[in-house]
Amino acid sequence: FVTSSPPRVGAAPPPSHCNTSSARPMCDYNLSLAICMWALVLKNVFVTLATVRERISKLSFRSMPGGSEVSEDSSSKATSFLIFYIFKPMLLVGLPGAPSAAPESQGLARDVEGQNSSTPAPEGGMLDRWLAVHRNSIEQEPYIIALALAYKAVIAEGDNSAWAAVILYVLVACRYLHMFSYMLALQPWRTITFVTALAGSGFMAVLMLYYYPF
């Protein structure tokens, strides 16, 4: 790991707001890294629970490729108890209790693994939207986390980390705004926040190469 590096000729100065004592915590890379990790993990937990809640409320559970039900899910009494007596009231879907008729596993048009079923779900439904948000998160956010950790590992502390700290806050904010824009069907904001986060990740990768003491 690099512990120190000489000043680089032509390197960009830290953001101007970092010069004030009250704003310096925002430019602390360790703090921004901790907040980034915490916020993205919290977002993942929220999206997962929201997806599970929507599945229970619609009685639309995971299916195998081709639309056949997952046999161990439908035949397990313990699983049914967890779904209808634990998760159902915990996620505020309704009172504890199984539906009057045993639900059949309903296939989804798009699942987290991209599975297709014989009975497509209505496009744009809330379950489809949560699944799309979840899929987008697992496609984009691991790279943000890996990039943030890599920057911490190879770039020395100091002014070189000030810009990266600000970028991390922007990335996390865009990921949250993208989620809300997707769920509320807000365009062009969904595209704008997605592209901004993507461009920010690319800029941070370039910044890491620029500051690396070759």
N, C-alpha and C. Protein backbone atom coordinates (compact mmCIF):
# COMPACT_ATOMS: atom_id res chain seq x y z
N PHE A 1 0.83 -1.20 0.00
CA PHE A 1 0.00 0.00 0.00
C PHE A 1 0.86 1.25 0.00
N VAL A 2 0.43 2.27 -0.67
CA VAL A 2 1.15 3.53 -0.74
C VAL A 2 0.83 4.35 0.49
N THR A 3 1.86 4.77 1.20
CA THR A 3 1.66 5.57 2.41
C THR A 3 1.88 7.04 2.17
N SER A 4 2.63 7.39 1.16
CA SER A 4 2.85 8.81 0.86
C SER A 4 3.22 8.93 -0.60
N SER A 5 3.00 10.10 -1.13
CA SER A 5 3.35 10.35 -2.53
C SER A 5 3.71 11.81 -2.68
N PRO A 6 4.70 12.11 -3.52
CA PRO A 6 5.10 13.50 -3.73
C PRO A 6 4.03 14.27 -4.45
N PRO A 7 4.00 15.58 -4.26
CA PRO A 7 3.01 16.39 -4.97
C PRO A 7 3.16 16.22 -6.47
N ARG A 8 2.09 16.09 -7.17
CA ARG A 8 2.13 15.90 -8.61
C ARG A 8 1.99 17.25 -9.30
N VAL A 9 2.85 17.47 -10.26
CA VAL A 9 2.82 18.74 -10.98
C VAL A 9 1.53 18.83 -11.77
N GLY A 10 0.82 19.95 -11.60
CA GLY A 10 -0.41 20.14 -12.33
C GLY A 10 -1.61 19.49 -11.71
N ALA A 11 -1.44 18.88 -10.53
CA ALA A 11 -2.57 18.21 -9.88
C ALA A 11 -3.62 19.23 -9.50
N ALA A 12 -4.87 18.83 -9.60
CA ALA A 12 -5.96 19.74 -9.27
C ALA A 12 -6.00 20.01 -7.78
N PRO A 13 -6.21 21.26 -7.36
CA PRO A 13 -6.31 21.56 -5.94
C PRO A 13 -7.59 20.97 -5.38
N PRO A 14 -7.66 20.81 -4.05
CA PRO A 14 -8.89 20.29 -3.46
C PRO A 14 -10.03 21.25 -3.68
N PRO A 15 -11.27 20.78 -3.59
CA PRO A 15 -12.43 21.67 -3.76
C PRO A 15 -12.34 22.85 -2.80
N SER A 16 -12.78 24.03 -3.25
CA SER A 16 -12.64 25.24 -2.45
C SER A 16 -13.37 25.16 -1.12
N HIS A 17 -14.52 24.44 -1.10
CA HIS A 17 -15.26 24.38 0.15
C HIS A 17 -14.53 23.55 1.20
N CYS A 18 -13.51 22.78 0.80
CA CYS A 18 -12.76 21.97 1.77
C CYS A 18 -11.81 22.81 2.60
N ASN A 19 -11.62 24.06 2.22
CA ASN A 19 -10.70 24.91 2.96
C ASN A 19 -11.27 25.43 4.27
N THR A 20 -12.59 25.34 4.43
CA THR A 20 -13.21 25.79 5.66
C THR A 20 -13.30 24.64 6.65
N SER A 21 -13.09 24.95 7.92
CA SER A 21 -13.05 23.90 8.94
C SER A 21 -14.38 23.18 9.07
N SER A 22 -15.50 23.89 8.87
CA SER A 22 -16.81 23.27 9.03
C SER A 22 -17.12 22.29 7.91
N ALA A 23 -16.49 22.48 6.74
CA ALA A 23 -16.78 21.62 5.59
C ALA A 23 -15.75 20.52 5.39
N ARG A 24 -14.66 20.54 6.17
CA ARG A 24 -13.61 19.54 5.97
C ARG A 24 -14.08 18.11 6.18
N PRO A 25 -15.00 17.83 7.11
CA PRO A 25 -15.47 16.44 7.22
C PRO A 25 -16.04 15.89 5.93
N MET A 26 -16.64 16.74 5.10
CA MET A 26 -17.18 16.27 3.83
C MET A 26 -16.08 15.82 2.89
N CYS A 27 -14.87 16.34 3.07
CA CYS A 27 -13.74 16.00 2.22
C CYS A 27 -12.87 14.90 2.82
N ASP A 28 -13.28 14.37 3.97
CA ASP A 28 -12.56 13.28 4.61
C ASP A 28 -12.92 11.99 3.88
N TYR A 29 -11.94 11.38 3.20
CA TYR A 29 -12.25 10.22 2.39
C TYR A 29 -12.67 9.03 3.24
N ASN A 30 -12.05 8.85 4.40
CA ASN A 30 -12.44 7.74 5.27
C ASN A 30 -13.91 7.86 5.67
N LEU A 31 -14.33 9.08 6.01
CA LEU A 31 -15.73 9.29 6.39
C LEU A 31 -16.65 9.05 5.21
N SER A 32 -16.29 9.58 4.04
CA SER A 32 -17.15 9.40 2.86
C SER A 32 -17.22 7.92 2.47
N LEU A 33 -16.11 7.19 2.63
CA LEU A 33 -16.11 5.77 2.33
C LEU A 33 -17.05 5.01 3.26
N ALA A 34 -16.99 5.34 4.55
CA ALA A 34 -17.87 4.68 5.52
C ALA A 34 -19.34 4.98 5.22
N ILE A 35 -19.63 6.25 4.91
CA ILE A 35 -21.02 6.62 4.60
C ILE A 35 -21.48 5.94 3.32
N CYS A 36 -20.61 5.85 2.31
CA CYS A 36 -20.93 5.20 1.05
C CYS A 36 -21.28 3.73 1.28
N MET A 37 -20.44 3.03 2.03
CA MET A 37 -20.70 1.61 2.30
C MET A 37 -22.02 1.44 3.05
N TRP A 38 -22.21 2.25 4.08
CA TRP A 38 -23.43 2.15 4.90
C TRP A 38 -24.67 2.43 4.07
N ALA A 39 -24.62 3.48 3.26
CA ALA A 39 -25.80 3.89 2.49
C ALA A 39 -26.16 2.85 1.42
N LEU A 40 -25.18 2.29 0.75
CA LEU A 40 -25.47 1.32 -0.31
C LEU A 40 -25.96 -0.01 0.28
N VAL A 41 -25.41 -0.41 1.42
CA VAL A 41 -25.91 -1.63 2.08
C VAL A 41 -27.34 -1.41 2.55
N LEU A 42 -27.62 -0.24 3.14
CA LEU A 42 -28.97 0.07 3.59
C LEU A 42 -29.94 0.06 2.40
N LYS A 43 -29.53 0.62 1.29
CA LYS A 43 -30.37 0.63 0.08
C LYS A 43 -30.65 -0.79 -0.39
N ASN A 44 -29.64 -1.65 -0.37
CA ASN A 44 -29.84 -3.03 -0.79
C ASN A 44 -30.83 -3.76 0.11
N VAL A 45 -30.72 -3.55 1.42
CA VAL A 45 -31.66 -4.17 2.37
C VAL A 45 -33.08 -3.67 2.10
N PHE A 46 -33.22 -2.37 1.90
CA PHE A 46 -34.54 -1.78 1.65
C PHE A 46 -35.17 -2.34 0.38
N VAL A 47 -34.39 -2.40 -0.70
CA VAL A 47 -34.91 -2.90 -1.97
C VAL A 47 -35.30 -4.37 -1.85
N THR A 48 -34.48 -5.16 -1.16
CA THR A 48 -34.79 -6.58 -0.99
C THR A 48 -36.08 -6.78 -0.21
N LEU A 49 -36.24 -6.06 0.91
CA LEU A 49 -37.45 -6.19 1.71
C LEU A 49 -38.67 -5.70 0.94
N ALA A 50 -38.52 -4.61 0.18
CA ALA A 50 -39.64 -4.11 -0.61
C ALA A 50 -40.05 -5.11 -1.68
N THR A 51 -39.06 -5.79 -2.28
CA THR A 51 -39.37 -6.81 -3.29
C THR A 51 -40.10 -7.99 -2.66
N VAL A 52 -39.62 -8.44 -1.50
CA VAL A 52 -40.28 -9.54 -0.79
C VAL A 52 -41.71 -9.15 -0.42
N ARG A 53 -41.89 -7.92 0.06
CA ARG A 53 -43.23 -7.45 0.42
C ARG A 53 -44.16 -7.49 -0.78
N GLU A 54 -43.67 -7.03 -1.92
CA GLU A 54 -44.51 -7.00 -3.12
C GLU A 54 -44.83 -8.42 -3.60
N ARG A 55 -43.88 -9.34 -3.47
CA ARG A 55 -44.13 -10.72 -3.84
C ARG A 55 -45.24 -11.32 -2.99
N ILE A 56 -45.19 -11.06 -1.67
CA ILE A 56 -46.20 -11.61 -0.76
C ILE A 56 -47.57 -11.00 -1.06
N SER A 57 -47.61 -9.68 -1.24
CA SER A 57 -48.90 -9.03 -1.48
C SER A 57 -49.54 -9.49 -2.79
N LYS A 58 -48.71 -9.83 -3.80
CA LYS A 58 -49.23 -10.28 -5.09
C LYS A 58 -49.30 -11.80 -5.18
N LEU A 59 -48.83 -12.50 -4.13
CA LEU A 59 -48.74 -13.96 -4.16
C LEU A 59 -47.99 -14.41 -5.42
N SER A 60 -46.93 -13.70 -5.73
CA SER A 60 -46.15 -13.97 -6.93
C SER A 60 -44.75 -14.35 -6.50
N PHE A 61 -44.49 -15.65 -6.45
CA PHE A 61 -43.23 -16.13 -5.92
C PHE A 61 -42.32 -16.61 -7.04
N ARG A 62 -41.10 -16.90 -6.68
CA ARG A 62 -40.09 -17.26 -7.66
C ARG A 62 -40.47 -18.53 -8.42
N SER A 63 -40.18 -18.55 -9.71
CA SER A 63 -40.45 -19.72 -10.55
C SER A 63 -39.18 -20.17 -11.22
N MET A 64 -39.20 -21.40 -11.66
CA MET A 64 -38.07 -21.96 -12.40
C MET A 64 -38.14 -21.50 -13.85
N PRO A 65 -37.03 -21.63 -14.61
CA PRO A 65 -37.09 -21.32 -16.04
C PRO A 65 -38.18 -22.15 -16.71
N GLY A 66 -39.03 -21.50 -17.49
CA GLY A 66 -40.14 -22.19 -18.11
C GLY A 66 -41.45 -21.98 -17.39
N GLY A 67 -41.39 -21.39 -16.16
CA GLY A 67 -42.62 -21.08 -15.44
C GLY A 67 -43.04 -22.09 -14.42
N SER A 68 -42.34 -23.24 -14.28
CA SER A 68 -42.73 -24.24 -13.29
C SER A 68 -42.38 -23.74 -11.90
N GLU A 69 -43.17 -24.16 -10.90
CA GLU A 69 -42.96 -23.69 -9.53
C GLU A 69 -41.74 -24.35 -8.92
N VAL A 70 -41.17 -23.71 -7.91
CA VAL A 70 -40.06 -24.28 -7.15
C VAL A 70 -40.66 -25.24 -6.14
N SER A 71 -40.47 -26.54 -6.35
CA SER A 71 -41.19 -27.55 -5.58
C SER A 71 -40.94 -27.45 -4.08
N GLU A 72 -39.68 -27.18 -3.70
CA GLU A 72 -39.38 -27.14 -2.26
C GLU A 72 -40.02 -25.94 -1.58
N ASP A 73 -40.28 -24.88 -2.32
CA ASP A 73 -40.95 -23.72 -1.74
C ASP A 73 -42.43 -23.99 -1.50
N SER A 74 -43.09 -24.60 -2.48
CA SER A 74 -44.53 -24.83 -2.38
C SER A 74 -44.88 -25.96 -1.42
N SER A 75 -43.95 -26.90 -1.22
CA SER A 75 -44.26 -28.05 -0.37
C SER A 75 -43.79 -27.89 1.07
N SER A 76 -43.00 -26.88 1.36
CA SER A 76 -42.45 -26.71 2.70
C SER A 76 -43.41 -25.93 3.59
N LYS A 77 -43.88 -26.57 4.65
CA LYS A 77 -44.76 -25.89 5.60
C LYS A 77 -44.00 -24.82 6.38
N ALA A 78 -42.73 -25.08 6.64
CA ALA A 78 -41.92 -24.10 7.37
C ALA A 78 -41.77 -22.81 6.56
N THR A 79 -41.58 -22.96 5.24
CA THR A 79 -41.46 -21.78 4.38
C THR A 79 -42.77 -21.00 4.35
N SER A 80 -43.89 -21.71 4.23
CA SER A 80 -45.20 -21.04 4.23
C SER A 80 -45.43 -20.31 5.55
N PHE A 81 -45.02 -20.92 6.65
CA PHE A 81 -45.18 -20.27 7.95
C PHE A 81 -44.35 -18.98 8.02
N LEU A 82 -43.10 -19.05 7.55
CA LEU A 82 -42.25 -17.86 7.56
C LEU A 82 -42.84 -16.75 6.71
N ILE A 83 -43.36 -17.11 5.54
CA ILE A 83 -43.89 -16.10 4.61
C ILE A 83 -45.15 -15.45 5.16
N PHE A 84 -46.12 -16.28 5.58
CA PHE A 84 -47.46 -15.76 5.88
C PHE A 84 -47.67 -15.41 7.36
N TYR A 85 -46.81 -15.91 8.24
CA TYR A 85 -46.99 -15.63 9.66
C TYR A 85 -45.88 -14.76 10.25
N ILE A 86 -44.75 -14.68 9.57
CA ILE A 86 -43.63 -13.85 10.06
C ILE A 86 -43.44 -12.64 9.16
N PHE A 87 -43.10 -12.89 7.90
CA PHE A 87 -42.78 -11.78 6.99
C PHE A 87 -44.02 -10.96 6.62
N LYS A 88 -45.16 -11.60 6.47
CA LYS A 88 -46.36 -10.88 6.07
C LYS A 88 -46.73 -9.77 7.05
N PRO A 89 -46.85 -10.03 8.37
CA PRO A 89 -47.13 -8.92 9.29
C PRO A 89 -45.93 -8.01 9.50
N MET A 90 -44.71 -8.58 9.47
CA MET A 90 -43.51 -7.77 9.69
C MET A 90 -43.36 -6.71 8.61
N LEU A 91 -43.70 -7.06 7.38
CA LEU A 91 -43.58 -6.13 6.25
C LEU A 91 -44.87 -5.35 6.00
N LEU A 92 -45.82 -5.45 6.93
CA LEU A 92 -47.07 -4.68 6.88
C LEU A 92 -47.90 -5.01 5.64
N VAL A 93 -47.87 -6.28 5.22
CA VAL A 93 -48.70 -6.70 4.10
C VAL A 93 -50.12 -6.96 4.58
N GLY A 94 -50.26 -7.47 5.79
CA GLY A 94 -51.57 -7.78 6.34
C GLY A 94 -51.44 -8.57 7.62
N LEU A 95 -52.55 -9.08 8.11
CA LEU A 95 -52.54 -9.87 9.33
C LEU A 95 -51.92 -11.23 9.07
N PRO A 96 -51.35 -11.86 10.11
CA PRO A 96 -50.77 -13.20 9.92
C PRO A 96 -51.82 -14.18 9.42
N GLY A 97 -51.41 -15.06 8.56
CA GLY A 97 -52.31 -16.08 8.06
C GLY A 97 -52.12 -16.34 6.58
N ALA A 98 -52.27 -17.61 6.19
CA ALA A 98 -52.15 -17.99 4.79
C ALA A 98 -53.42 -17.65 4.05
N PRO A 99 -53.35 -17.44 2.75
CA PRO A 99 -54.57 -17.19 1.96
C PRO A 99 -55.49 -18.41 2.00
N SER A 100 -56.76 -18.19 1.72
CA SER A 100 -57.74 -19.27 1.82
C SER A 100 -57.43 -20.42 0.87
N ALA A 101 -56.94 -20.10 -0.33
CA ALA A 101 -56.54 -21.13 -1.28
C ALA A 101 -55.03 -21.09 -1.43
N ALA A 102 -54.43 -22.25 -1.54
CA ALA A 102 -52.98 -22.31 -1.67
C ALA A 102 -52.56 -21.60 -2.94
N PRO A 103 -51.70 -20.58 -2.83
CA PRO A 103 -51.31 -19.83 -4.03
C PRO A 103 -50.44 -20.65 -4.95
N GLU A 104 -50.71 -20.51 -6.22
CA GLU A 104 -49.84 -21.14 -7.19
C GLU A 104 -48.69 -20.21 -7.50
N SER A 105 -47.53 -20.78 -7.71
CA SER A 105 -46.36 -19.95 -8.02
C SER A 105 -46.57 -19.29 -9.37
N GLN A 106 -46.59 -17.97 -9.37
CA GLN A 106 -46.84 -17.23 -10.59
C GLN A 106 -45.51 -16.79 -11.19
N GLY A 107 -45.33 -17.10 -12.48
CA GLY A 107 -44.09 -16.72 -13.13
C GLY A 107 -44.03 -15.23 -13.36
N LEU A 108 -42.82 -14.72 -13.49
CA LEU A 108 -42.61 -13.30 -13.73
C LEU A 108 -41.98 -13.11 -15.09
N ALA A 109 -42.32 -11.99 -15.70
CA ALA A 109 -41.74 -11.69 -17.01
C ALA A 109 -40.24 -11.51 -16.90
N ARG A 110 -39.79 -10.90 -15.78
CA ARG A 110 -38.37 -10.67 -15.56
C ARG A 110 -38.09 -10.92 -14.10
N ASP A 111 -37.08 -11.75 -13.84
CA ASP A 111 -36.72 -12.04 -12.46
C ASP A 111 -35.30 -11.56 -12.24
N VAL A 112 -34.82 -11.66 -11.00
CA VAL A 112 -33.49 -11.14 -10.70
C VAL A 112 -32.40 -11.87 -11.47
N GLU A 113 -32.67 -13.10 -11.87
CA GLU A 113 -31.70 -13.82 -12.70
C GLU A 113 -32.02 -13.69 -14.17
N GLY A 114 -33.06 -12.89 -14.51
CA GLY A 114 -33.43 -12.75 -15.91
C GLY A 114 -34.19 -13.95 -16.43
N GLN A 115 -34.85 -14.71 -15.54
CA GLN A 115 -35.59 -15.88 -15.98
C GLN A 115 -36.87 -15.45 -16.67
N ASN A 116 -37.27 -16.23 -17.67
CA ASN A 116 -38.51 -15.97 -18.38
C ASN A 116 -39.55 -17.01 -17.98
N SER A 117 -40.79 -16.63 -17.97
CA SER A 117 -41.85 -17.57 -17.62
C SER A 117 -42.87 -17.61 -18.75
N SER A 118 -43.77 -18.58 -18.65
CA SER A 118 -44.79 -18.73 -19.67
C SER A 118 -45.93 -17.74 -19.49
N THR A 119 -46.04 -17.14 -18.29
CA THR A 119 -47.11 -16.18 -18.02
C THR A 119 -46.49 -14.84 -17.65
N PRO A 120 -46.31 -13.93 -18.60
CA PRO A 120 -45.66 -12.66 -18.29
C PRO A 120 -46.50 -11.81 -17.36
N ALA A 121 -45.81 -11.10 -16.47
CA ALA A 121 -46.48 -10.18 -15.57
C ALA A 121 -46.72 -8.87 -16.28
N PRO A 122 -47.71 -8.08 -15.85
CA PRO A 122 -47.96 -6.79 -16.49
C PRO A 122 -46.74 -5.88 -16.43
N GLU A 123 -46.33 -5.36 -17.55
CA GLU A 123 -45.14 -4.51 -17.60
C GLU A 123 -45.40 -3.22 -16.84
N GLY A 124 -44.44 -2.80 -16.04
CA GLY A 124 -44.58 -1.57 -15.29
C GLY A 124 -45.22 -1.74 -13.94
N GLY A 125 -45.61 -2.97 -13.55
CA GLY A 125 -46.16 -3.20 -12.23
C GLY A 125 -45.11 -2.96 -11.16
N MET A 126 -45.56 -2.77 -9.92
CA MET A 126 -44.63 -2.46 -8.84
C MET A 126 -43.62 -3.57 -8.62
N LEU A 127 -44.04 -4.83 -8.73
CA LEU A 127 -43.09 -5.92 -8.55
C LEU A 127 -42.04 -5.91 -9.64
N ASP A 128 -42.46 -5.67 -10.87
CA ASP A 128 -41.50 -5.57 -11.97
C ASP A 128 -40.52 -4.42 -11.73
N ARG A 129 -41.02 -3.33 -11.20
CA ARG A 129 -40.15 -2.18 -10.95
C ARG A 129 -39.13 -2.47 -9.85
N TRP A 130 -39.58 -3.09 -8.76
CA TRP A 130 -38.64 -3.42 -7.69
C TRP A 130 -37.59 -4.42 -8.18
N LEU A 131 -38.02 -5.39 -8.98
CA LEU A 131 -37.06 -6.35 -9.53
C LEU A 131 -36.05 -5.66 -10.45
N ALA A 132 -36.52 -4.68 -11.22
CA ALA A 132 -35.62 -3.94 -12.10
C ALA A 132 -34.63 -3.10 -11.30
N VAL A 133 -35.11 -2.47 -10.23
CA VAL A 133 -34.21 -1.69 -9.36
C VAL A 133 -33.17 -2.61 -8.73
N HIS A 134 -33.62 -3.77 -8.25
CA HIS A 134 -32.70 -4.73 -7.64
C HIS A 134 -31.65 -5.20 -8.64
N ARG A 135 -32.09 -5.51 -9.86
CA ARG A 135 -31.16 -5.97 -10.88
C ARG A 135 -30.17 -4.87 -11.24
N ASN A 136 -30.64 -3.64 -11.36
CA ASN A 136 -29.74 -2.53 -11.69
C ASN A 136 -28.73 -2.30 -10.57
N SER A 137 -29.17 -2.48 -9.32
CA SER A 137 -28.27 -2.28 -8.18
C SER A 137 -27.13 -3.29 -8.19
N ILE A 138 -27.47 -4.57 -8.43
CA ILE A 138 -26.41 -5.58 -8.40
C ILE A 138 -25.52 -5.50 -9.64
N GLU A 139 -25.97 -4.80 -10.67
CA GLU A 139 -25.12 -4.60 -11.84
C GLU A 139 -24.17 -3.42 -11.67
N GLN A 140 -24.60 -2.37 -10.97
CA GLN A 140 -23.84 -1.13 -10.92
C GLN A 140 -23.08 -0.90 -9.61
N GLU A 141 -23.71 -1.20 -8.48
CA GLU A 141 -23.16 -0.77 -7.20
C GLU A 141 -21.94 -1.56 -6.72
N PRO A 142 -21.79 -2.85 -7.04
CA PRO A 142 -20.54 -3.51 -6.66
C PRO A 142 -19.30 -2.85 -7.24
N TYR A 143 -19.43 -2.29 -8.46
CA TYR A 143 -18.29 -1.59 -9.06
C TYR A 143 -17.97 -0.30 -8.31
N ILE A 144 -19.00 0.38 -7.84
CA ILE A 144 -18.76 1.60 -7.05
C ILE A 144 -18.03 1.26 -5.76
N ILE A 145 -18.48 0.20 -5.09
CA ILE A 145 -17.84 -0.22 -3.83
C ILE A 145 -16.40 -0.65 -4.09
N ALA A 146 -16.18 -1.45 -5.14
CA ALA A 146 -14.82 -1.90 -5.46
C ALA A 146 -13.91 -0.73 -5.79
N LEU A 147 -14.42 0.23 -6.55
CA LEU A 147 -13.63 1.40 -6.92
C LEU A 147 -13.30 2.24 -5.70
N ALA A 148 -14.27 2.42 -4.80
CA ALA A 148 -14.03 3.21 -3.58
C ALA A 148 -12.97 2.57 -2.70
N LEU A 149 -13.02 1.24 -2.56
CA LEU A 149 -12.03 0.53 -1.75
C LEU A 149 -10.66 0.55 -2.42
N ALA A 150 -10.64 0.42 -3.75
CA ALA A 150 -9.36 0.45 -4.47
C ALA A 150 -8.69 1.82 -4.33
N TYR A 151 -9.49 2.88 -4.41
CA TYR A 151 -8.94 4.23 -4.26
C TYR A 151 -8.30 4.39 -2.88
N LYS A 152 -8.99 3.89 -1.86
CA LYS A 152 -8.47 3.96 -0.49
C LYS A 152 -7.16 3.19 -0.37
N ALA A 153 -7.05 2.06 -1.08
CA ALA A 153 -5.88 1.21 -0.94
C ALA A 153 -4.64 1.76 -1.64
N VAL A 154 -4.80 2.45 -2.77
CA VAL A 154 -3.63 2.80 -3.57
C VAL A 154 -3.28 4.29 -3.56
N ILE A 155 -4.20 5.13 -3.09
CA ILE A 155 -3.93 6.57 -3.10
C ILE A 155 -3.72 7.06 -1.66
N ALA A 156 -2.67 7.83 -1.47
CA ALA A 156 -2.34 8.32 -0.14
C ALA A 156 -3.37 9.34 0.34
N GLU A 157 -3.48 9.46 1.66
CA GLU A 157 -4.38 10.46 2.23
C GLU A 157 -3.86 11.86 1.92
N GLY A 158 -4.75 12.82 1.89
CA GLY A 158 -4.36 14.20 1.64
C GLY A 158 -5.28 14.85 0.63
N ASP A 159 -4.77 15.91 -0.01
CA ASP A 159 -5.59 16.63 -0.96
C ASP A 159 -6.05 15.75 -2.12
N ASN A 160 -5.26 14.70 -2.43
CA ASN A 160 -5.61 13.81 -3.53
C ASN A 160 -6.93 13.08 -3.28
N SER A 161 -7.35 12.97 -2.01
CA SER A 161 -8.57 12.25 -1.69
C SER A 161 -9.78 13.17 -1.54
N ALA A 162 -9.56 14.49 -1.56
CA ALA A 162 -10.66 15.42 -1.32
C ALA A 162 -11.71 15.33 -2.43
N TRP A 163 -11.24 15.36 -3.69
CA TRP A 163 -12.18 15.27 -4.80
C TRP A 163 -12.89 13.93 -4.81
N ALA A 164 -12.15 12.86 -4.50
CA ALA A 164 -12.75 11.52 -4.49
C ALA A 164 -13.84 11.41 -3.44
N ALA A 165 -13.65 12.06 -2.31
CA ALA A 165 -14.66 12.04 -1.25
C ALA A 165 -15.96 12.69 -1.73
N VAL A 166 -15.83 13.82 -2.39
CA VAL A 166 -17.02 14.52 -2.91
C VAL A 166 -17.72 13.66 -3.97
N ILE A 167 -16.92 13.02 -4.84
CA ILE A 167 -17.50 12.18 -5.89
C ILE A 167 -18.29 11.03 -5.28
N LEU A 168 -17.79 10.44 -4.20
CA LEU A 168 -18.51 9.33 -3.56
C LEU A 168 -19.89 9.76 -3.08
N TYR A 169 -19.95 10.96 -2.48
CA TYR A 169 -21.27 11.46 -2.05
C TYR A 169 -22.21 11.62 -3.24
N VAL A 170 -21.68 12.13 -4.36
CA VAL A 170 -22.50 12.31 -5.55
C VAL A 170 -22.99 10.97 -6.08
N LEU A 171 -22.10 9.97 -6.09
CA LEU A 171 -22.47 8.65 -6.58
C LEU A 171 -23.60 8.04 -5.77
N VAL A 172 -23.47 8.10 -4.44
CA VAL A 172 -24.50 7.51 -3.58
C VAL A 172 -25.82 8.26 -3.74
N ALA A 173 -25.75 9.59 -3.81
CA ALA A 173 -26.98 10.38 -3.99
C ALA A 173 -27.66 10.01 -5.30
N CYS A 174 -26.89 9.84 -6.37
CA CYS A 174 -27.47 9.49 -7.67
C CYS A 174 -28.09 8.10 -7.64
N ARG A 175 -27.47 7.17 -6.93
CA ARG A 175 -28.03 5.82 -6.85
C ARG A 175 -29.38 5.84 -6.12
N TYR A 176 -29.50 6.63 -5.08
CA TYR A 176 -30.78 6.75 -4.37
C TYR A 176 -31.81 7.45 -5.24
N LEU A 177 -31.41 8.53 -5.90
CA LEU A 177 -32.35 9.24 -6.76
C LEU A 177 -32.80 8.38 -7.93
N HIS A 178 -31.90 7.56 -8.44
CA HIS A 178 -32.28 6.64 -9.52
C HIS A 178 -33.34 5.66 -9.04
N MET A 179 -33.18 5.14 -7.83
CA MET A 179 -34.18 4.21 -7.28
C MET A 179 -35.55 4.88 -7.16
N PHE A 180 -35.57 6.08 -6.57
CA PHE A 180 -36.85 6.78 -6.42
C PHE A 180 -37.45 7.15 -7.77
N SER A 181 -36.60 7.56 -8.72
CA SER A 181 -37.10 7.90 -10.05
C SER A 181 -37.70 6.69 -10.74
N TYR A 182 -37.10 5.53 -10.54
CA TYR A 182 -37.62 4.31 -11.15
C TYR A 182 -38.97 3.95 -10.54
N MET A 183 -39.07 4.00 -9.21
CA MET A 183 -40.31 3.60 -8.55
C MET A 183 -41.45 4.58 -8.82
N LEU A 184 -41.13 5.85 -9.01
CA LEU A 184 -42.16 6.87 -9.25
C LEU A 184 -42.35 7.16 -10.74
N ALA A 185 -41.65 6.39 -11.59
CA ALA A 185 -41.77 6.54 -13.05
C ALA A 185 -41.46 7.97 -13.49
N LEU A 186 -40.35 8.49 -13.00
CA LEU A 186 -39.95 9.85 -13.33
C LEU A 186 -38.86 9.85 -14.40
N GLN A 187 -39.25 10.25 -15.57
CA GLN A 187 -38.29 10.42 -16.65
C GLN A 187 -38.31 11.90 -17.06
N PRO A 188 -37.18 12.52 -17.42
CA PRO A 188 -35.89 11.88 -17.71
C PRO A 188 -34.98 11.71 -16.50
N TRP A 189 -35.51 11.93 -15.28
CA TRP A 189 -34.65 11.92 -14.10
C TRP A 189 -34.02 10.56 -13.86
N ARG A 190 -34.74 9.50 -14.18
CA ARG A 190 -34.16 8.17 -13.99
C ARG A 190 -32.91 8.01 -14.86
N THR A 191 -33.01 8.44 -16.11
CA THR A 191 -31.87 8.34 -17.01
C THR A 191 -30.75 9.29 -16.59
N ILE A 192 -31.11 10.50 -16.18
CA ILE A 192 -30.10 11.49 -15.79
C ILE A 192 -29.29 10.99 -14.59
N THR A 193 -29.98 10.47 -13.57
CA THR A 193 -29.27 10.01 -12.38
C THR A 193 -28.42 8.78 -12.69
N PHE A 194 -28.91 7.90 -13.57
CA PHE A 194 -28.13 6.72 -13.94
C PHE A 194 -26.86 7.12 -14.66
N VAL A 195 -27.00 8.02 -15.65
CA VAL A 195 -25.84 8.43 -16.45
C VAL A 195 -24.85 9.22 -15.58
N THR A 196 -25.37 10.06 -14.67
CA THR A 196 -24.48 10.83 -13.79
C THR A 196 -23.65 9.91 -12.90
N ALA A 197 -24.28 8.89 -12.33
CA ALA A 197 -23.54 7.93 -11.50
C ALA A 197 -22.53 7.16 -12.33
N LEU A 198 -22.90 6.79 -13.54
CA LEU A 198 -21.98 6.07 -14.41
C LEU A 198 -20.78 6.93 -14.79
N ALA A 199 -21.05 8.19 -15.14
CA ALA A 199 -19.96 9.10 -15.48
C ALA A 199 -19.09 9.39 -14.26
N GLY A 200 -19.71 9.53 -13.08
CA GLY A 200 -18.94 9.77 -11.87
C GLY A 200 -18.02 8.62 -11.55
N SER A 201 -18.48 7.39 -11.76
CA SER A 201 -17.62 6.22 -11.53
C SER A 201 -16.43 6.25 -12.47
N GLY A 202 -16.69 6.58 -13.74
CA GLY A 202 -15.60 6.66 -14.70
C GLY A 202 -14.61 7.75 -14.35
N PHE A 203 -15.12 8.90 -13.91
CA PHE A 203 -14.24 10.01 -13.54
C PHE A 203 -13.38 9.64 -12.33
N MET A 204 -13.95 8.94 -11.37
CA MET A 204 -13.18 8.54 -10.19
C MET A 204 -12.10 7.53 -10.56
N ALA A 205 -12.39 6.64 -11.51
CA ALA A 205 -11.38 5.70 -11.97
C ALA A 205 -10.21 6.43 -12.64
N VAL A 206 -10.54 7.44 -13.44
CA VAL A 206 -9.49 8.24 -14.08
C VAL A 206 -8.70 9.00 -13.02
N LEU A 207 -9.39 9.53 -12.03
CA LEU A 207 -8.72 10.27 -10.95
C LEU A 207 -7.74 9.37 -10.20
N MET A 208 -8.12 8.12 -9.98
CA MET A 208 -7.23 7.19 -9.27
C MET A 208 -5.95 6.94 -10.08
N LEU A 209 -6.10 6.77 -11.39
CA LEU A 209 -4.92 6.58 -12.24
C LEU A 209 -4.06 7.85 -12.29
N TYR A 210 -4.71 8.99 -12.28
CA TYR A 210 -3.99 10.27 -12.37
C TYR A 210 -3.13 10.50 -11.14
N TYR A 211 -3.69 10.18 -9.97
CA TYR A 211 -2.97 10.44 -8.71
C TYR A 211 -2.03 9.30 -8.31
N TYR A 212 -2.12 8.17 -9.00
CA TYR A 212 -1.26 7.07 -8.61
C TYR A 212 0.21 7.40 -8.91
N PRO A 213 1.10 7.21 -7.92
CA PRO A 213 2.51 7.60 -8.12
C PRO A 213 3.28 6.55 -8.93
N PHE A 214 3.16 6.61 -10.24
CA PHE A 214 3.86 5.65 -11.09
C PHE A 214 5.37 5.80 -10.97
